Amino acid sequence: MINPMLLINPGYFPPTSRYYGIETDTYQASNGSKITYLRRRLIPHPDQFDLLTEHVVKDGERLDVITAHYMNDSEQFWRICDANNVLDPNELTEMAGRMLRITLPQGIPGARNA
């Protein structure tokens, strides 16, 4: 069986993936085998994203539904996590009333004071 991690290369992930552009590295185990892995993904500070709007979480709301509403793709939930400096997506909707930042991806500027 082929180790699927051996097939990973930086160009494998689509631009919509949180892993897009992340480089790979190789670890050589003591038995001589090489293991390819993705390097660490560093999450930018939330202030580096341009704010589009804010969303107040309602009781029972799900992050995938919120994400689909604002980004037309429920799998982009990680962008809302990044914009709110959260690693656990469930944390974002645990408490009704929480304000979520909805932002543009890092490096894509928005109109100031629009």
PDB file of N, CA and C in Angstrom:
ATOM      1  N   MET A   1       0.837  -1.181   0.000  1.00  0.00           N
ATOM      2  CA  MET A   1       0.000   0.000   0.000  1.00  0.00           C
ATOM      3  C   MET A   1       0.881   1.242   0.000  1.00  0.00           C
ATOM      4  N   ILE A   2       0.508   2.221  -0.788  1.00  0.00           N
ATOM      5  CA  ILE A   2       1.248   3.482  -0.857  1.00  0.00           C
ATOM      6  C   ILE A   2       0.774   4.400   0.259  1.00  0.00           C
ATOM      7  N   ASN A   3       1.720   4.989   0.953  1.00  0.00           N
ATOM      8  CA  ASN A   3       1.396   5.969   1.977  1.00  0.00           C
ATOM      9  C   ASN A   3       0.850   7.212   1.272  1.00  0.00           C
ATOM     10  N   PRO A   4      -0.416   7.605   1.515  1.00  0.00           N
ATOM     11  CA  PRO A   4      -0.988   8.751   0.810  1.00  0.00           C
ATOM     12  C   PRO A   4      -0.240  10.050   1.080  1.00  0.00           C
ATOM     13  N   MET A   5       0.434  10.146   2.212  1.00  0.00           N
ATOM     14  CA  MET A   5       1.188  11.362   2.512  1.00  0.00           C
ATOM     15  C   MET A   5       2.360  11.543   1.550  1.00  0.00           C
ATOM     16  N   LEU A   6       2.805  10.475   0.916  1.00  0.00           N
ATOM     17  CA  LEU A   6       3.895  10.583  -0.052  1.00  0.00           C
ATOM     18  C   LEU A   6       3.443  11.288  -1.329  1.00  0.00           C
ATOM     19  N   LEU A   7       2.151  11.360  -1.523  1.00  0.00           N
ATOM     20  CA  LEU A   7       1.612  11.979  -2.727  1.00  0.00           C
ATOM     21  C   LEU A   7       1.398  13.482  -2.572  1.00  0.00           C
ATOM     22  N   ILE A   8       1.555  13.981  -1.370  1.00  0.00           N
ATOM     23  CA  ILE A   8       1.283  15.394  -1.108  1.00  0.00           C
ATOM     24  C   ILE A   8       2.380  16.267  -1.702  1.00  0.00           C
ATOM     25  N   ASN A   9       1.964  17.301  -2.369  1.00  0.00           N
ATOM     26  CA  ASN A   9       2.876  18.357  -2.796  1.00  0.00           C
ATOM     27  C   ASN A   9       2.136  19.673  -2.659  1.00  0.00           C
ATOM     28  N   PRO A  10       2.841  20.799  -2.573  1.00  0.00           N
ATOM     29  CA  PRO A  10       2.184  22.074  -2.299  1.00  0.00           C
ATOM     30  C   PRO A  10       1.120  22.452  -3.318  1.00  0.00           C
ATOM     31  N   GLY A  11       1.254  21.990  -4.553  1.00  0.00           N
ATOM     32  CA  GLY A  11       0.290  22.346  -5.573  1.00  0.00           C
ATOM     33  C   GLY A  11      -0.941  21.461  -5.581  1.00  0.00           C
ATOM     34  N   TYR A  12      -1.005  20.496  -4.688  1.00  0.00           N
ATOM     35  CA  TYR A  12      -2.111  19.540  -4.670  1.00  0.00           C
ATOM     36  C   TYR A  12      -3.422  20.173  -4.218  1.00  0.00           C
ATOM     37  N   PHE A  13      -3.348  21.084  -3.285  1.00  0.00           N
ATOM     38  CA  PHE A  13      -4.549  21.644  -2.684  1.00  0.00           C
ATOM     39  C   PHE A  13      -5.084  22.801  -3.515  1.00  0.00           C
ATOM     40  N   PRO A  14      -6.401  22.875  -3.686  1.00  0.00           N
ATOM     41  CA  PRO A  14      -6.993  23.966  -4.466  1.00  0.00           C
ATOM     42  C   PRO A  14      -6.872  25.295  -3.723  1.00  0.00           C
ATOM     43  N   PRO A  15      -7.001  26.413  -4.416  1.00  0.00           N
ATOM     44  CA  PRO A  15      -6.880  27.732  -3.780  1.00  0.00           C
ATOM     45  C   PRO A  15      -7.864  27.956  -2.633  1.00  0.00           C
ATOM     46  N   THR A  16      -8.958  27.215  -2.591  1.00  0.00           N
ATOM     47  CA  THR A  16      -9.936  27.372  -1.513  1.00  0.00           C
ATOM     48  C   THR A  16      -9.569  26.593  -0.253  1.00  0.00           C
ATOM     49  N   SER A  17      -8.508  25.804  -0.304  1.00  0.00           N
ATOM     50  CA  SER A  17      -8.102  24.990   0.835  1.00  0.00           C
ATOM     51  C   SER A  17      -7.233  25.783   1.804  1.00  0.00           C
ATOM     52  N   ARG A  18      -7.398  25.500   3.080  1.00  0.00           N
ATOM     53  CA  ARG A  18      -6.543  26.155   4.076  1.00  0.00           C
ATOM     54  C   ARG A  18      -5.090  25.705   3.936  1.00  0.00           C
ATOM     55  N   TYR A  19      -4.867  24.624   3.210  1.00  0.00           N
ATOM     56  CA  TYR A  19      -3.512  24.103   3.023  1.00  0.00           C
ATOM     57  C   TYR A  19      -2.877  24.553   1.710  1.00  0.00           C
ATOM     58  N   TYR A  20      -3.588  25.346   0.939  1.00  0.00           N
ATOM     59  CA  TYR A  20      -3.062  25.833  -0.336  1.00  0.00           C
ATOM     60  C   TYR A  20      -1.783  26.637  -0.088  1.00  0.00           C
ATOM     61  N   GLY A  21      -0.748  26.325  -0.810  1.00  0.00           N
ATOM     62  CA  GLY A  21       0.509  27.064  -0.700  1.00  0.00           C
ATOM     63  C   GLY A  21       1.401  26.639   0.454  1.00  0.00           C
ATOM     64  N   ILE A  22       0.940  25.730   1.293  1.00  0.00           N
ATOM     65  CA  ILE A  22       1.767  25.254   2.404  1.00  0.00           C
ATOM     66  C   ILE A  22       2.794  24.276   1.834  1.00  0.00           C
ATOM     67  N   GLU A  23       4.035  24.505   2.169  1.00  0.00           N
ATOM     68  CA  GLU A  23       5.105  23.656   1.651  1.00  0.00           C
ATOM     69  C   GLU A  23       5.148  22.321   2.384  1.00  0.00           C
ATOM     70  N   THR A  24       5.790  21.370   1.748  1.00  0.00           N
ATOM     71  CA  THR A  24       6.004  20.073   2.381  1.00  0.00           C
ATOM     72  C   THR A  24       7.447  19.981   2.860  1.00  0.00           C
ATOM     73  N   ASP A  25       7.675  19.057   3.731  1.00  0.00           N
ATOM     74  CA  ASP A  25       9.018  18.761   4.203  1.00  0.00           C
ATOM     75  C   ASP A  25       9.113  17.243   4.320  1.00  0.00           C
ATOM     76  N   THR A  26      10.319  16.755   4.512  1.00  0.00           N
ATOM     77  CA  THR A  26      10.520  15.311   4.603  1.00  0.00           C
ATOM     78  C   THR A  26      11.271  14.984   5.882  1.00  0.00           C
ATOM     79  N   TYR A  27      10.769  13.988   6.566  1.00  0.00           N
ATOM     80  CA  TYR A  27      11.406  13.480   7.772  1.00  0.00           C
ATOM     81  C   TYR A  27      11.963  12.103   7.446  1.00  0.00           C
ATOM     82  N   GLN A  28      13.220  11.882   7.811  1.00  0.00           N
ATOM     83  CA  GLN A  28      13.809  10.565   7.590  1.00  0.00           C
ATOM     84  C   GLN A  28      13.806   9.812   8.912  1.00  0.00           C
ATOM     85  N   ALA A  29      13.057   8.723   8.950  1.00  0.00           N
ATOM     86  CA  ALA A  29      12.935   7.909  10.159  1.00  0.00           C
ATOM     87  C   ALA A  29      14.219   7.118  10.393  1.00  0.00           C
ATOM     88  N   SER A  30      14.354   6.596  11.601  1.00  0.00           N
ATOM     89  CA  SER A  30      15.563   5.843  11.960  1.00  0.00           C
ATOM     90  C   SER A  30      15.751   4.595  11.097  1.00  0.00           C
ATOM     91  N   ASN A  31      14.660   4.087  10.524  1.00  0.00           N
ATOM     92  CA  ASN A  31      14.784   2.905   9.663  1.00  0.00           C
ATOM     93  C   ASN A  31      15.107   3.280   8.216  1.00  0.00           C
ATOM     94  N   GLY A  32      15.305   4.575   7.980  1.00  0.00           N
ATOM     95  CA  GLY A  32      15.677   5.046   6.650  1.00  0.00           C
ATOM     96  C   GLY A  32      14.509   5.456   5.772  1.00  0.00           C
ATOM     97  N   SER A  33      13.292   5.137   6.188  1.00  0.00           N
ATOM     98  CA  SER A  33      12.142   5.530   5.368  1.00  0.00           C
ATOM     99  C   SER A  33      11.917   7.039   5.471  1.00  0.00           C
ATOM    100  N   LYS A  34      11.407   7.590   4.393  1.00  0.00           N
ATOM    101  CA  LYS A  34      11.147   9.030   4.352  1.00  0.00           C
ATOM    102  C   LYS A  34       9.649   9.274   4.454  1.00  0.00           C
ATOM    103  N   ILE A  35       9.300  10.232   5.280  1.00  0.00           N
ATOM    104  CA  ILE A  35       7.901  10.583   5.494  1.00  0.00           C
ATOM    105  C   ILE A  35       7.716  12.039   5.082  1.00  0.00           C
ATOM    106  N   THR A  36       6.861  12.256   4.100  1.00  0.00           N
ATOM    107  CA  THR A  36       6.565  13.609   3.648  1.00  0.00           C
ATOM    108  C   THR A  36       5.377  14.136   4.439  1.00  0.00           C
ATOM    109  N   TYR A  37       5.472  15.388   4.869  1.00  0.00           N
ATOM    110  CA  TYR A  37       4.392  15.983   5.647  1.00  0.00           C
ATOM    111  C   TYR A  37       4.248  17.450   5.271  1.00  0.00           C
ATOM    112  N   LEU A  38       3.087  17.998   5.603  1.00  0.00           N
ATOM    113  CA  LEU A  38       2.860  19.422   5.387  1.00  0.00           C
ATOM    114  C   LEU A  38       3.500  20.193   6.521  1.00  0.00           C
ATOM    115  N   ARG A  39       4.139  21.294   6.173  1.00  0.00           N
ATOM    116  CA  ARG A  39       4.719  22.146   7.205  1.00  0.00           C
ATOM    117  C   ARG A  39       3.597  22.817   7.980  1.00  0.00           C
ATOM    118  N   ARG A  40       3.944  23.368   9.088  1.00  0.00           N
ATOM    119  CA  ARG A  40       2.968  24.010   9.964  1.00  0.00           C
ATOM    120  C   ARG A  40       2.303  25.191   9.269  1.00  0.00           C
ATOM    121  N   ARG A  41       1.019  25.299   9.438  1.00  0.00           N
ATOM    122  CA  ARG A  41       0.265  26.435   8.903  1.00  0.00           C
ATOM    123  C   ARG A  41       0.136  27.472  10.008  1.00  0.00           C
ATOM    124  N   LEU A  42       0.721  28.634   9.782  1.00  0.00           N
ATOM    125  CA  LEU A  42       0.655  29.701  10.770  1.00  0.00           C
ATOM    126  C   LEU A  42      -0.565  30.563  10.479  1.00  0.00           C
ATOM    127  N   ILE A  43      -1.372  30.754  11.483  1.00  0.00           N
ATOM    128  CA  ILE A  43      -2.592  31.532  11.323  1.00  0.00           C
ATOM    129  C   ILE A  43      -2.271  33.004  11.543  1.00  0.00           C
ATOM    130  N   PRO A  44      -2.612  33.850  10.573  1.00  0.00           N
ATOM    131  CA  PRO A  44      -2.351  35.281  10.712  1.00  0.00           C
ATOM    132  C   PRO A  44      -3.188  35.888  11.840  1.00  0.00           C
ATOM    133  N   HIS A  45      -2.731  37.023  12.356  1.00  0.00           N
ATOM    134  CA  HIS A  45      -3.490  37.743  13.372  1.00  0.00           C
ATOM    135  C   HIS A  45      -4.783  38.251  12.737  1.00  0.00           C
ATOM    136  N   PRO A  46      -5.905  38.194  13.456  1.00  0.00           N
ATOM    137  CA  PRO A  46      -7.183  38.624  12.883  1.00  0.00           C
ATOM    138  C   PRO A  46      -7.178  40.042  12.310  1.00  0.00           C
ATOM    139  N   ASP A  47      -6.352  40.919  12.839  1.00  0.00           N
ATOM    140  CA  ASP A  47      -6.289  42.293  12.324  1.00  0.00           C
ATOM    141  C   ASP A  47      -5.743  42.361  10.903  1.00  0.00           C
ATOM    142  N   GLN A  48      -5.157  41.275  10.415  1.00  0.00           N
ATOM    143  CA  GLN A  48      -4.608  41.264   9.059  1.00  0.00           C
ATOM    144  C   GLN A  48      -5.669  40.965   7.998  1.00  0.00           C
ATOM    145  N   PHE A  49      -6.897  40.726   8.429  1.00  0.00           N
ATOM    146  CA  PHE A  49      -7.997  40.468   7.501  1.00  0.00           C
ATOM    147  C   PHE A  49      -8.884  41.704   7.421  1.00  0.00           C
ATOM    148  N   ASP A  50      -9.353  42.037   6.229  1.00  0.00           N
ATOM    149  CA  ASP A  50     -10.286  43.152   6.083  1.00  0.00           C
ATOM    150  C   ASP A  50     -11.699  42.678   6.408  1.00  0.00           C
ATOM    151  N   LEU A  51     -12.337  43.393   7.320  1.00  0.00           N
ATOM    152  CA  LEU A  51     -13.672  43.049   7.797  1.00  0.00           C
ATOM    153  C   LEU A  51     -14.729  43.350   6.738  1.00  0.00           C
ATOM    154  N   LEU A  52     -15.581  42.364   6.473  1.00  0.00           N
ATOM    155  CA  LEU A  52     -16.730  42.570   5.589  1.00  0.00           C
ATOM    156  C   LEU A  52     -17.957  42.931   6.410  1.00  0.00           C
ATOM    157  N   THR A  53     -18.198  42.141   7.447  1.00  0.00           N
ATOM    158  CA  THR A  53     -19.352  42.361   8.312  1.00  0.00           C
ATOM    159  C   THR A  53     -19.146  41.581   9.599  1.00  0.00           C
ATOM    160  N   GLU A  54     -20.073  41.745  10.497  1.00  0.00           N
ATOM    161  CA  GLU A  54     -20.068  40.957  11.727  1.00  0.00           C
ATOM    162  C   GLU A  54     -21.394  40.204  11.818  1.00  0.00           C
ATOM    163  N   HIS A  55     -21.349  39.070  12.456  1.00  0.00           N
ATOM    164  CA  HIS A  55     -22.535  38.221  12.588  1.00  0.00           C
ATOM    165  C   HIS A  55     -22.720  37.878  14.055  1.00  0.00           C
ATOM    166  N   VAL A  56     -23.935  38.063  14.557  1.00  0.00           N
ATOM    167  CA  VAL A  56     -24.257  37.681  15.929  1.00  0.00           C
ATOM    168  C   VAL A  56     -24.852  36.274  15.898  1.00  0.00           C
ATOM    169  N   VAL A  57     -24.220  35.364  16.623  1.00  0.00           N
ATOM    170  CA  VAL A  57     -24.653  33.966  16.657  1.00  0.00           C
ATOM    171  C   VAL A  57     -25.990  33.850  17.385  1.00  0.00           C
ATOM    172  N   LYS A  58     -26.910  33.143  16.751  1.00  0.00           N
ATOM    173  CA  LYS A  58     -28.214  32.866  17.357  1.00  0.00           C
ATOM    174  C   LYS A  58     -28.182  31.474  17.985  1.00  0.00           C
ATOM    175  N   ASP A  59     -29.057  31.261  18.936  1.00  0.00           N
ATOM    176  CA  ASP A  59     -29.126  29.972  19.616  1.00  0.00           C
ATOM    177  C   ASP A  59     -29.376  28.853  18.606  1.00  0.00           C
ATOM    178  N   GLY A  60     -28.545  27.820  18.639  1.00  0.00           N
ATOM    179  CA  GLY A  60     -28.706  26.664  17.771  1.00  0.00           C
ATOM    180  C   GLY A  60     -28.119  26.811  16.379  1.00  0.00           C
ATOM    181  N   GLU A  61     -27.533  27.958  16.079  1.00  0.00           N
ATOM    182  CA  GLU A  61     -26.942  28.145  14.746  1.00  0.00           C
ATOM    183  C   GLU A  61     -25.721  27.264  14.569  1.00  0.00           C
ATOM    184  N   ARG A  62     -25.497  26.863  13.327  1.00  0.00           N
ATOM    185  CA  ARG A  62     -24.333  26.034  12.999  1.00  0.00           C
ATOM    186  C   ARG A  62     -23.367  26.836  12.140  1.00  0.00           C
ATOM    187  N   LEU A  63     -22.086  26.581  12.355  1.00  0.00           N
ATOM    188  CA  LEU A  63     -21.052  27.311  11.633  1.00  0.00           C
ATOM    189  C   LEU A  63     -21.107  27.053  10.134  1.00  0.00           C
ATOM    190  N   ASP A  64     -21.420  25.832   9.722  1.00  0.00           N
ATOM    191  CA  ASP A  64     -21.472  25.560   8.285  1.00  0.00           C
ATOM    192  C   ASP A  64     -22.578  26.358   7.601  1.00  0.00           C
ATOM    193  N   VAL A  65     -23.683  26.574   8.295  1.00  0.00           N
ATOM    194  CA  VAL A  65     -24.787  27.358   7.734  1.00  0.00           C
ATOM    195  C   VAL A  65     -24.394  28.835   7.653  1.00  0.00           C
ATOM    196  N   ILE A  66     -23.753  29.331   8.696  1.00  0.00           N
ATOM    197  CA  ILE A  66     -23.282  30.723   8.691  1.00  0.00           C
ATOM    198  C   ILE A  66     -22.290  30.925   7.547  1.00  0.00           C
ATOM    199  N   THR A  67     -21.363  29.997   7.423  1.00  0.00           N
ATOM    200  CA  THR A  67     -20.340  30.088   6.381  1.00  0.00           C
ATOM    201  C   THR A  67     -20.960  30.037   4.995  1.00  0.00           C
ATOM    202  N   ALA A  68     -21.907  29.151   4.778  1.00  0.00           N
ATOM    203  CA  ALA A  68     -22.575  29.065   3.478  1.00  0.00           C
ATOM    204  C   ALA A  68     -23.301  30.368   3.159  1.00  0.00           C
ATOM    205  N   HIS A  69     -23.886  30.987   4.170  1.00  0.00           N
ATOM    206  CA  HIS A  69     -24.606  32.246   3.960  1.00  0.00           C
ATOM    207  C   HIS A  69     -23.676  33.360   3.476  1.00  0.00           C
ATOM    208  N   TYR A  70     -22.537  33.508   4.126  1.00  0.00           N
ATOM    209  CA  TYR A  70     -21.633  34.613   3.807  1.00  0.00           C
ATOM    210  C   TYR A  70     -20.632  34.294   2.702  1.00  0.00           C
ATOM    211  N   MET A  71     -20.262  33.033   2.551  1.00  0.00           N
ATOM    212  CA  MET A  71     -19.191  32.680   1.614  1.00  0.00           C
ATOM    213  C   MET A  71     -19.631  31.736   0.504  1.00  0.00           C
ATOM    214  N   ASN A  72     -20.896  31.352   0.530  1.00  0.00           N
ATOM    215  CA  ASN A  72     -21.441  30.434  -0.481  1.00  0.00           C
ATOM    216  C   ASN A  72     -20.707  29.096  -0.538  1.00  0.00           C
ATOM    217  N   ASP A  73     -20.063  28.724   0.555  1.00  0.00           N
ATOM    218  CA  ASP A  73     -19.334  27.453   0.603  1.00  0.00           C
ATOM    219  C   ASP A  73     -19.146  27.068   2.069  1.00  0.00           C
ATOM    220  N   SER A  74     -19.898  26.093   2.518  1.00  0.00           N
ATOM    221  CA  SER A  74     -19.851  25.710   3.936  1.00  0.00           C
ATOM    222  C   SER A  74     -18.488  25.177   4.370  1.00  0.00           C
ATOM    223  N   GLU A  75     -17.676  24.721   3.414  1.00  0.00           N
ATOM    224  CA  GLU A  75     -16.359  24.183   3.759  1.00  0.00           C
ATOM    225  C   GLU A  75     -15.318  25.272   4.024  1.00  0.00           C
ATOM    226  N   GLN A  76     -15.695  26.529   3.875  1.00  0.00           N
ATOM    227  CA  GLN A  76     -14.776  27.634   4.150  1.00  0.00           C
ATOM    228  C   GLN A  76     -14.850  28.098   5.607  1.00  0.00           C
ATOM    229  N   PHE A  77     -15.449  27.287   6.472  1.00  0.00           N
ATOM    230  CA  PHE A  77     -15.581  27.634   7.891  1.00  0.00           C
ATOM    231  C   PHE A  77     -14.250  28.024   8.514  1.00  0.00           C
ATOM    232  N   TRP A  78     -13.168  27.457   8.025  1.00  0.00           N
ATOM    233  CA  TRP A  78     -11.838  27.725   8.584  1.00  0.00           C
ATOM    234  C   TRP A  78     -11.463  29.197   8.430  1.00  0.00           C
ATOM    235  N   ARG A  79     -12.013  29.875   7.428  1.00  0.00           N
ATOM    236  CA  ARG A  79     -11.739  31.309   7.262  1.00  0.00           C
ATOM    237  C   ARG A  79     -12.358  32.111   8.400  1.00  0.00           C
ATOM    238  N   ILE A  80     -13.547  31.699   8.845  1.00  0.00           N
ATOM    239  CA  ILE A  80     -14.173  32.379   9.982  1.00  0.00           C
ATOM    240  C   ILE A  80     -13.391  32.065  11.253  1.00  0.00           C
ATOM    241  N   CYS A  81     -12.896  30.842  11.374  1.00  0.00           N
ATOM    242  CA  CYS A  81     -12.038  30.496  12.522  1.00  0.00           C
ATOM    243  C   CYS A  81     -10.797  31.383  12.539  1.00  0.00           C
ATOM    244  N   ASP A  82     -10.130  31.509  11.400  1.00  0.00           N
ATOM    245  CA  ASP A  82      -8.929  32.344  11.315  1.00  0.00           C
ATOM    246  C   ASP A  82      -9.241  33.788  11.689  1.00  0.00           C
ATOM    247  N   ALA A  83     -10.333  34.318  11.152  1.00  0.00           N
ATOM    248  CA  ALA A  83     -10.689  35.719  11.374  1.00  0.00           C
ATOM    249  C   ALA A  83     -11.046  36.004  12.828  1.00  0.00           C
ATOM    250  N   ASN A  84     -11.392  34.962  13.571  1.00  0.00           N
ATOM    251  CA  ASN A  84     -11.777  35.123  14.972  1.00  0.00           C
ATOM    252  C   ASN A  84     -10.774  34.503  15.935  1.00  0.00           C
ATOM    253  N   ASN A  85      -9.600  34.127  15.407  1.00  0.00           N
ATOM    254  CA  ASN A  85      -8.507  33.584  16.214  1.00  0.00           C
ATOM    255  C   ASN A  85      -8.948  32.369  17.044  1.00  0.00           C
ATOM    256  N   VAL A  86      -9.629  31.436  16.377  1.00  0.00           N
ATOM    257  CA  VAL A  86     -10.161  30.251  17.038  1.00  0.00           C
ATOM    258  C   VAL A  86      -9.651  29.006  16.323  1.00  0.00           C
ATOM    259  N   LEU A  87      -9.199  28.024  17.083  1.00  0.00           N
ATOM    260  CA  LEU A  87      -8.748  26.763  16.501  1.00  0.00           C
ATOM    261  C   LEU A  87      -9.863  25.721  16.455  1.00  0.00           C
ATOM    262  N   ASP A  88     -10.754  25.741  17.430  1.00  0.00           N
ATOM    263  CA  ASP A  88     -11.853  24.775  17.493  1.00  0.00           C
ATOM    264  C   ASP A  88     -13.112  25.418  16.912  1.00  0.00           C
ATOM    265  N   PRO A  89     -13.554  24.992  15.734  1.00  0.00           N
ATOM    266  CA  PRO A  89     -14.724  25.602  15.099  1.00  0.00           C
ATOM    267  C   PRO A  89     -15.979  25.586  15.977  1.00  0.00           C
ATOM    268  N   ASN A  90     -16.138  24.562  16.804  1.00  0.00           N
ATOM    269  CA  ASN A  90     -17.325  24.471  17.663  1.00  0.00           C
ATOM    270  C   ASN A  90     -17.416  25.626  18.650  1.00  0.00           C
ATOM    271  N   GLU A  91     -16.273  26.181  19.010  1.00  0.00           N
ATOM    272  CA  GLU A  91     -16.229  27.287  19.962  1.00  0.00           C
ATOM    273  C   GLU A  91     -16.989  28.512  19.448  1.00  0.00           C
ATOM    274  N   LEU A  92     -17.025  28.678  18.137  1.00  0.00           N
ATOM    275  CA  LEU A  92     -17.640  29.874  17.558  1.00  0.00           C
ATOM    276  C   LEU A  92     -19.148  29.942  17.753  1.00  0.00           C
ATOM    277  N   THR A  93     -19.809  28.812  17.858  1.00  0.00           N
ATOM    278  CA  THR A  93     -21.271  28.812  17.972  1.00  0.00           C
ATOM    279  C   THR A  93     -21.768  28.237  19.300  1.00  0.00           C
ATOM    280  N   GLU A  94     -20.882  28.052  20.246  1.00  0.00           N
ATOM    281  CA  GLU A  94     -21.278  27.492  21.548  1.00  0.00           C
ATOM    282  C   GLU A  94     -22.214  28.416  22.316  1.00  0.00           C
ATOM    283  N   MET A  95     -22.020  29.725  22.143  1.00  0.00           N
ATOM    284  CA  MET A  95     -22.783  30.670  22.940  1.00  0.00           C
ATOM    285  C   MET A  95     -23.517  31.661  22.038  1.00  0.00           C
ATOM    286  N   ALA A  96     -24.831  31.689  22.176  1.00  0.00           N
ATOM    287  CA  ALA A  96     -25.622  32.671  21.441  1.00  0.00           C
ATOM    288  C   ALA A  96     -25.192  34.071  21.870  1.00  0.00           C
ATOM    289  N   GLY A  97     -25.179  34.985  20.913  1.00  0.00           N
ATOM    290  CA  GLY A  97     -24.786  36.361  21.194  1.00  0.00           C
ATOM    291  C   GLY A  97     -23.340  36.668  20.849  1.00  0.00           C
ATOM    292  N   ARG A  98     -22.566  35.646  20.585  1.00  0.00           N
ATOM    293  CA  ARG A  98     -21.169  35.880  20.218  1.00  0.00           C
ATOM    294  C   ARG A  98     -21.107  36.599  18.875  1.00  0.00           C
ATOM    295  N   MET A  99     -20.224  37.571  18.796  1.00  0.00           N
ATOM    296  CA  MET A  99     -20.023  38.332  17.565  1.00  0.00           C
ATOM    297  C   MET A  99     -18.909  37.674  16.760  1.00  0.00           C
ATOM    298  N   LEU A 100     -19.210  37.303  15.518  1.00  0.00           N
ATOM    299  CA  LEU A 100     -18.214  36.705  14.631  1.00  0.00           C
ATOM    300  C   LEU A 100     -17.786  37.716  13.581  1.00  0.00           C
ATOM    301  N   ARG A 101     -16.492  37.794  13.367  1.00  0.00           N
ATOM    302  CA  ARG A 101     -15.957  38.619  12.283  1.00  0.00           C
ATOM    303  C   ARG A 101     -16.022  37.810  10.994  1.00  0.00           C
ATOM    304  N   ILE A 102     -16.602  38.403   9.961  1.00  0.00           N
ATOM    305  CA  ILE A 102     -16.639  37.806   8.630  1.00  0.00           C
ATOM    306  C   ILE A 102     -15.716  38.670   7.782  1.00  0.00           C
ATOM    307  N   THR A 103     -14.653  38.068   7.269  1.00  0.00           N
ATOM    308  CA  THR A 103     -13.610  38.854   6.614  1.00  0.00           C
ATOM    309  C   THR A 103     -13.272  38.326   5.229  1.00  0.00           C
ATOM    310  N   LEU A 104     -12.501  39.122   4.520  1.00  0.00           N
ATOM    311  CA  LEU A 104     -11.889  38.674   3.275  1.00  0.00           C
ATOM    312  C   LEU A 104     -10.673  37.832   3.633  1.00  0.00           C
ATOM    313  N   PRO A 105     -10.236  36.959   2.741  1.00  0.00           N
ATOM    314  CA  PRO A 105      -9.014  36.199   3.014  1.00  0.00           C
ATOM    315  C   PRO A 105      -7.812  37.136   3.164  1.00  0.00           C
ATOM    316  N   GLN A 106      -6.816  36.693   3.891  1.00  0.00           N
ATOM    317  CA  GLN A 106      -5.608  37.493   4.073  1.00  0.00           C
ATOM    318  C   GLN A 106      -5.011  37.829   2.716  1.00  0.00           C
ATOM    319  N   GLY A 107      -4.601  39.088   2.577  1.00  0.00           N
ATOM    320  CA  GLY A 107      -3.953  39.522   1.349  1.00  0.00           C
ATOM    321  C   GLY A 107      -4.915  40.046   0.303  1.00  0.00           C
ATOM    322  N   ILE A 108      -6.214  39.922   0.554  1.00  0.00           N
ATOM    323  CA  ILE A 108      -7.195  40.484  -0.370  1.00  0.00           C
ATOM    324  C   ILE A 108      -7.778  41.714   0.303  1.00  0.00           C
ATOM    325  N   PRO A 109      -7.404  42.900  -0.176  1.00  0.00           N
ATOM    326  CA  PRO A 109      -7.857  44.126   0.475  1.00  0.00           C
ATOM    327  C   PRO A 109      -9.308  44.438   0.142  1.00  0.00           C
ATOM    328  N   GLY A 110      -9.969  45.028   1.102  1.00  0.00           N
ATOM    329  CA  GLY A 110     -11.333  45.509   0.897  1.00  0.00           C
ATOM    330  C   GLY A 110     -11.320  47.022   0.839  1.00  0.00           C
ATOM    331  N   ALA A 111     -12.432  47.593   0.474  1.00  0.00           N
ATOM    332  CA  ALA A 111     -12.544  49.050   0.426  1.00  0.00           C
ATOM    333  C   ALA A 111     -12.628  49.577   1.848  1.00  0.00           C
ATOM    334  N   ARG A 112     -11.802  50.525   2.164  1.00  0.00           N
ATOM    335  CA  ARG A 112     -11.809  51.125   3.498  1.00  0.00           C
ATOM    336  C   ARG A 112     -13.011  52.056   3.632  1.00  0.00           C
ATOM    337  N   ASN A 113     -13.654  51.986   4.798  1.00  0.00           N
ATOM    338  CA  ASN A 113     -14.794  52.846   5.112  1.00  0.00           C
ATOM    339  C   ASN A 113     -15.882  52.778   4.051  1.00  0.00           C
ATOM    340  N   ALA A 114     -16.099  51.603   3.500  1.00  0.00           N
ATOM    341  CA  ALA A 114     -17.131  51.453   2.456  1.00  0.00           C
ATOM    342  C   ALA A 114     -18.508  51.451   3.068  1.00  0.00           C
TER     343      ALA A 114
END
